Amino acid sequence: MRCLVTQPIHADGLALLRANGIEPVMAPSADIATLVRLVPGVSAVITRDAGFSAEAFAASDQLKIVVIHGTGHDAVDKAAATNRGVLFANTPGVNAQSVAEHALGLLLSLARGIPAADKAEREGVKGFRESRSFAELHGKTALIVGWGAIGRRFGRMLDIAFGMRVLVYSPNAPEVDGYSRCATLESGLAEADVVSLHSPMREDTRHMMNAARFAAMKPGALLVNTARAGLVD
């Protein structure tokens, strides 16, 4: 069995494939022309954010499954997969800790102005500390939008590390680990000093952060999006 790997994955993953009799076919690029050229003759595909388009599905001749190395699967044309009788699957939770830590890094960078401070220092610009306001996270209120594996970890980080008050907006979550659930996104936005997005990309979540939602936020509130770009207008 041959498996097309559209984007680099860890060597241990490739070794696991080989140990199970699967030959990895490494794509030198994830552009459509390369995928169309390489997909004939493979039974499986592992992709990441490059996804797999209808054109790539059309070029396949024995494809059985496409697996997303991660949680988000909006970049895979699922209608095309269904039409071709190809299974598709994602791997929710496997990178949750990594993404939650990344969200924390982004939040600290925003609150403390770290990228701009680094740029000013490297360029020899004086007076950066007096040029803007900075925020401590301790005691502030965070709204976690989407209480899945990543959002849950990130909310707990903010609670335990910074003593932040954690609000949750996640209508489909059966429980929120004792934190306060918001009835509406707007009610949470009105209270939050920090908003972190962890929702899947669907038609009903596209541009969930739009002009009206931004207007509902506190002036100066911080927004972190480690989910999908399409959530934000």
Protein backbone atom coordinates (compact mmCIF):
# COMPACT_ATOMS: atom_id res chain seq x y z
CA MET A 1 0.00 0.00 0.00
CA ARG A 2 1.25 3.49 -0.89
CA CYS A 3 0.34 6.66 1.00
CA LEU A 4 0.83 10.15 -0.38
CA VAL A 5 2.11 12.54 2.30
CA THR A 6 1.36 16.04 1.05
CA GLN A 7 3.29 17.99 3.72
CA PRO A 8 6.20 17.09 6.01
CA ILE A 9 5.43 15.02 9.11
CA HIS A 10 7.77 13.78 11.83
CA ALA A 11 10.20 10.99 10.95
CA ASP A 12 8.65 8.80 13.65
CA GLY A 13 5.33 9.00 11.79
CA LEU A 14 6.94 7.90 8.56
CA ALA A 15 8.67 5.04 10.40
CA LEU A 16 5.32 3.94 11.82
CA LEU A 17 3.84 3.82 8.32
CA ARG A 18 6.73 1.72 7.00
CA ALA A 19 6.56 -0.62 10.01
CA ASN A 20 2.96 -1.35 9.04
CA GLY A 21 3.73 -2.10 5.41
CA ILE A 22 2.77 1.32 4.06
CA GLU A 23 5.12 3.07 1.65
CA PRO A 24 5.15 6.86 2.13
CA VAL A 25 5.19 8.89 -1.09
CA MET A 26 6.54 12.31 -0.15
CA ALA A 27 5.16 15.23 -2.15
CA PRO A 28 7.88 17.84 -2.82
CA SER A 29 5.13 20.46 -2.83
CA ALA A 30 1.46 20.59 -1.89
CA ASP A 31 0.42 22.54 -4.99
CA ILE A 32 -2.40 21.05 -7.04
CA ALA A 33 -0.26 20.16 -10.06
CA THR A 34 2.06 18.06 -7.87
CA LEU A 35 -0.81 16.30 -6.08
CA VAL A 36 -2.56 15.51 -9.38
CA ARG A 37 0.67 14.01 -10.67
CA LEU A 38 1.39 11.89 -7.60
CA VAL A 39 -2.07 10.69 -6.48
CA PRO A 40 -2.57 7.97 -9.13
CA GLY A 41 -1.53 4.63 -7.67
CA VAL A 42 -1.85 5.61 -4.00
CA SER A 43 -4.48 4.21 -1.66
CA ALA A 44 -4.24 6.81 1.10
CA VAL A 45 -3.33 10.44 1.63
CA ILE A 46 -2.09 12.21 4.75
CA THR A 47 -2.46 15.98 4.55
CA ARG A 48 -2.33 18.96 6.87
CA ASP A 49 -3.59 22.48 6.18
CA ALA A 50 -2.98 22.06 2.42
CA GLY A 51 -6.07 19.86 2.33
CA PHE A 52 -7.19 17.92 -0.73
CA SER A 53 -9.24 19.49 -3.51
CA ALA A 54 -11.88 18.15 -5.89
CA GLU A 55 -9.32 18.27 -8.70
CA ALA A 56 -6.95 16.07 -6.70
CA PHE A 57 -9.74 13.59 -5.91
CA ALA A 58 -10.64 13.47 -9.62
CA ALA A 59 -7.07 12.48 -10.51
CA SER A 60 -7.04 9.52 -8.12
CA ASP A 61 -7.62 5.97 -9.35
CA GLN A 62 -7.49 3.81 -6.21
CA LEU A 63 -7.73 6.27 -3.32
CA LYS A 64 -9.57 4.87 -0.28
CA ILE A 65 -8.96 7.40 2.51
CA VAL A 66 -7.70 10.92 3.20
CA VAL A 67 -6.55 11.66 6.76
CA ILE A 68 -5.95 15.13 8.12
CA HIS A 69 -2.90 15.40 10.38
CA GLY A 70 -4.67 17.65 12.89
CA THR A 71 -8.16 18.77 13.81
CA GLY A 72 -9.36 21.20 11.11
CA HIS A 73 -10.70 19.55 7.97
CA ASP A 74 -12.27 22.42 6.02
CA ALA A 75 -9.46 22.32 3.42
CA VAL A 76 -10.54 18.84 2.27
CA ASP A 77 -13.33 18.83 -0.30
CA LYS A 78 -15.61 16.41 1.53
CA ALA A 79 -18.31 16.47 -1.14
CA ALA A 80 -15.73 15.32 -3.70
CA ALA A 81 -14.54 12.61 -1.31
CA THR A 82 -18.10 11.35 -0.85
CA ASN A 83 -18.73 11.36 -4.59
CA ARG A 84 -15.60 9.27 -5.13
CA GLY A 85 -16.41 6.88 -2.27
CA VAL A 86 -13.32 7.99 -0.33
CA LEU A 87 -13.33 8.03 3.47
CA PHE A 88 -11.95 11.09 5.22
CA ALA A 89 -10.88 11.45 8.85
CA ASN A 90 -9.14 13.89 11.13
CA THR A 91 -7.08 13.42 14.29
CA PRO A 92 -8.62 15.67 16.96
CA GLY A 93 -6.67 16.12 20.16
CA VAL A 94 -3.27 14.89 19.00
CA ASN A 95 -1.81 18.40 18.77
CA ALA A 96 -4.05 20.03 21.39
CA GLN A 97 -1.30 20.73 23.94
CA SER A 98 0.96 22.22 21.29
CA VAL A 99 -1.75 24.55 19.97
CA ALA A 100 -2.83 25.58 23.47
CA GLU A 101 0.76 26.51 24.33
CA HIS A 102 1.01 28.42 21.05
CA ALA A 103 -2.16 30.34 21.93
CA LEU A 104 -0.60 31.26 25.27
CA GLY A 105 2.53 32.49 23.50
CA LEU A 106 0.45 34.65 21.17
CA LEU A 107 -1.55 36.08 24.06
CA LEU A 108 1.56 37.02 26.03
CA SER A 109 3.04 38.58 22.89
CA LEU A 110 -0.07 40.72 22.47
CA ALA A 111 -0.39 41.72 26.13
CA ARG A 112 3.28 42.65 26.50
CA GLY A 113 3.95 43.95 23.00
CA ILE A 114 6.83 41.53 22.57
CA PRO A 115 7.10 41.47 18.73
CA ALA A 116 6.97 45.27 18.48
CA ALA A 117 9.44 45.62 21.37
CA ASP A 118 11.85 43.21 19.70
CA LYS A 119 11.60 45.12 16.41
CA ALA A 120 12.18 48.47 18.12
CA GLU A 121 15.20 47.15 20.01
CA ARG A 122 16.78 45.64 16.90
CA GLU A 123 16.24 48.87 14.97
CA GLY A 124 17.62 51.03 17.76
CA VAL A 125 14.34 52.87 18.35
CA LYS A 126 14.30 54.48 21.79
CA GLY A 127 11.36 54.99 24.13
CA PHE A 128 9.32 51.92 23.25
CA ARG A 129 8.23 51.35 26.85
CA GLU A 130 6.62 54.78 26.91
CA SER A 131 5.03 54.44 23.46
CA ARG A 132 2.10 52.22 24.37
CA SER A 133 0.19 50.56 27.19
CA PHE A 134 0.81 47.01 28.36
CA ALA A 135 -1.50 44.62 30.18
CA GLU A 136 -1.08 42.06 32.93
CA LEU A 137 -3.22 38.95 32.55
CA HIS A 138 -3.62 38.22 36.25
CA GLY A 139 -7.20 38.61 37.39
CA LYS A 140 -8.54 39.47 33.94
CA THR A 141 -11.50 37.75 32.26
CA ALA A 142 -10.97 35.34 29.34
CA LEU A 143 -13.66 34.11 26.97
CA ILE A 144 -12.90 30.73 25.40
CA VAL A 145 -14.97 30.20 22.25
CA GLY A 146 -15.10 26.45 21.62
CA TRP A 147 -14.54 24.11 24.58
CA GLY A 148 -12.87 21.23 22.77
CA ALA A 149 -9.50 19.63 23.47
CA ILE A 150 -7.57 22.83 22.71
CA GLY A 151 -9.93 25.38 24.24
CA ARG A 152 -10.23 23.32 27.43
CA ARG A 153 -6.46 23.13 27.86
CA PHE A 154 -6.00 26.81 27.15
CA GLY A 155 -8.74 27.85 29.58
CA ARG A 156 -7.15 25.79 32.34
CA MET A 157 -3.74 27.35 31.60
CA LEU A 158 -5.17 30.84 32.00
CA ASP A 159 -6.95 29.87 35.22
CA ILE A 160 -4.03 28.06 36.86
CA ALA A 161 -1.13 30.20 35.64
CA PHE A 162 -2.69 33.66 35.79
CA GLY A 163 -5.72 33.35 38.04
CA MET A 164 -7.93 34.53 35.20
CA ARG A 165 -11.69 34.28 35.32
CA VAL A 166 -12.69 31.90 32.53
CA LEU A 167 -15.93 32.21 30.56
CA VAL A 168 -16.94 29.62 27.97
CA TYR A 169 -19.08 29.97 24.88
CA SER A 170 -19.52 26.53 23.38
CA PRO A 171 -23.18 25.57 22.79
CA ASN A 172 -22.39 21.96 21.92
CA ALA A 173 -20.10 21.23 24.88
CA PRO A 174 -21.92 18.97 27.37
CA GLU A 175 -19.97 20.43 30.31
CA VAL A 176 -17.41 23.20 30.85
CA ASP A 177 -15.42 21.85 33.82
CA GLY A 178 -16.98 24.15 36.38
CA TYR A 179 -16.30 27.38 34.51
CA SER A 180 -19.02 29.91 33.67
CA ARG A 181 -20.97 29.21 30.49
CA CYS A 182 -22.19 32.17 28.40
CA ALA A 183 -25.69 31.97 26.96
CA THR A 184 -24.66 34.05 23.94
CA LEU A 185 -21.39 35.00 22.32
CA GLU A 186 -22.27 38.68 22.71
CA SER A 187 -22.70 38.40 26.46
CA GLY A 188 -19.25 36.85 26.80
CA LEU A 189 -17.63 39.40 24.52
CA ALA A 190 -18.99 42.24 26.62
CA GLU A 191 -17.16 40.94 29.72
CA ALA A 192 -13.94 39.58 28.26
CA ASP A 193 -10.51 41.18 28.36
CA VAL A 194 -9.21 38.27 26.28
CA VAL A 195 -11.07 36.29 23.59
CA SER A 196 -9.60 33.07 22.21
CA LEU A 197 -11.18 31.24 19.26
CA HIS A 198 -11.18 27.43 19.13
CA SER A 199 -14.23 26.73 16.96
CA PRO A 200 -14.31 24.57 13.83
CA MET A 201 -14.75 26.22 10.44
CA ARG A 202 -18.30 25.74 9.17
CA GLU A 203 -20.75 27.90 7.27
CA ASP A 204 -22.44 28.89 10.53
CA THR A 205 -19.12 29.92 12.13
CA ARG A 206 -17.66 31.79 9.13
CA HIS A 207 -17.01 35.41 10.15
CA MET A 208 -18.38 34.76 13.64
CA MET A 209 -16.15 37.70 14.61
CA ASN A 210 -17.73 40.41 12.48
CA ALA A 211 -18.27 44.15 12.88
CA ALA A 212 -21.15 43.71 15.34
CA ARG A 213 -19.19 41.24 17.49
CA PHE A 214 -16.12 43.49 17.56
CA ALA A 215 -18.37 46.38 18.59
CA ALA A 216 -19.59 44.22 21.49
CA MET A 217 -16.05 43.80 22.85
CA LYS A 218 -14.38 45.98 25.44
CA PRO A 219 -12.07 48.64 23.98
CA GLY A 220 -8.55 47.24 24.08
CA ALA A 221 -9.61 43.61 24.50
CA LEU A 222 -7.24 41.06 22.98
CA LEU A 223 -8.24 38.48 20.33
CA VAL A 224 -6.30 35.28 19.65
CA ASN A 225 -7.31 32.94 16.82
CA THR A 226 -5.52 29.60 16.59
CA ALA A 227 -8.49 27.92 14.90
CA ARG A 228 -9.29 29.02 11.32
CA ALA A 229 -8.76 32.36 9.58
CA GLY A 230 -12.32 32.34 8.22
CA LEU A 231 -13.75 32.77 11.72
CA VAL A 232 -12.67 36.42 11.64
CA ASP A 233 -13.90 39.08 9.20
